[in-house]
Amino acid sequence: MLTYVKESWEELKNNVTWLSRERASNLMVIVAVFSILFALATWGVDSVFSKLIQLYFDNLIG
């Protein structure tokens, strides 16, 4: 296990290309914005379907 961790650390230090701090920050903001937009879209579709199902069952029962 210790060898695996040591080799993984060496791999990260020597063979991985890291983004600049500025580029990583910009990408983080983009991901956050799209995550919020996707969550809002999902909430909106869920709300519409919930209302439609509620109307359907209200009309079916009532």
Protein backbone atom coordinates (compact mmCIF):
# COMPACT_ATOMS: atom_id res chain seq x y z
CA MET A 1 0.00 0.00 0.00
CA LEU A 2 2.81 2.39 0.88
CA THR A 3 4.48 1.72 -2.47
CA TYR A 4 1.23 2.49 -4.29
CA VAL A 5 0.86 5.83 -2.50
CA LYS A 6 4.51 6.71 -3.14
CA GLU A 7 4.24 5.86 -6.86
CA SER A 8 0.97 7.78 -7.16
CA TRP A 9 2.57 10.84 -5.57
CA GLU A 10 5.51 10.64 -7.99
CA GLU A 11 3.06 10.32 -10.90
CA LEU A 12 1.24 13.47 -9.77
CA LYS A 13 4.47 15.43 -9.37
CA ASN A 14 6.16 14.40 -12.61
CA ASN A 15 3.59 13.39 -15.21
CA VAL A 16 0.45 15.44 -14.59
CA THR A 17 0.00 18.82 -16.26
CA TRP A 18 -1.71 21.15 -13.83
CA LEU A 19 -3.78 24.16 -14.84
CA SER A 20 -2.79 27.61 -13.72
CA ARG A 21 -4.60 28.92 -10.67
CA GLU A 22 -6.39 31.56 -12.77
CA ARG A 23 -7.56 29.04 -15.38
CA ALA A 24 -8.74 26.61 -12.69
CA SER A 25 -10.70 29.41 -10.99
CA ASN A 26 -12.35 30.39 -14.26
CA LEU A 27 -13.36 26.80 -14.99
CA MET A 28 -14.69 26.41 -11.44
CA VAL A 29 -16.97 29.43 -11.94
CA ILE A 30 -18.20 28.06 -15.27
CA VAL A 31 -18.98 24.67 -13.71
CA ALA A 32 -20.77 26.34 -10.78
CA VAL A 33 -22.92 28.50 -13.10
CA PHE A 34 -23.91 25.56 -15.30
CA SER A 35 -24.64 23.43 -12.22
CA ILE A 36 -26.97 26.11 -10.87
CA LEU A 37 -28.68 26.53 -14.26
CA PHE A 38 -29.13 22.76 -14.61
CA ALA A 39 -30.54 22.53 -11.08
CA LEU A 40 -33.02 25.34 -11.83
CA ALA A 41 -34.06 23.68 -15.09
CA THR A 42 -34.57 20.36 -13.31
CA TRP A 43 -36.60 22.07 -10.58
CA GLY A 44 -38.74 23.80 -13.22
CA VAL A 45 -39.48 20.62 -15.16
CA ASP A 46 -40.23 18.79 -11.90
CA SER A 47 -42.62 21.55 -10.82
CA VAL A 48 -44.46 21.49 -14.15
CA PHE A 49 -44.85 17.71 -14.11
CA SER A 50 -45.95 17.81 -10.49
CA LYS A 51 -48.69 20.33 -11.31
CA LEU A 52 -49.79 18.34 -14.38
CA ILE A 53 -50.02 15.12 -12.39
CA GLN A 54 -51.90 16.90 -9.62
CA LEU A 55 -54.39 18.35 -12.15
CA TYR A 56 -54.84 14.94 -13.77
CA PHE A 57 -55.64 13.21 -10.48
CA ASP A 58 -57.84 16.07 -9.27
CA ASN A 59 -59.92 15.78 -12.46
CA LEU A 60 -59.93 11.99 -12.32
CA ILE A 61 -61.17 11.87 -8.72
CA GLY A 62 -63.28 15.03 -8.70
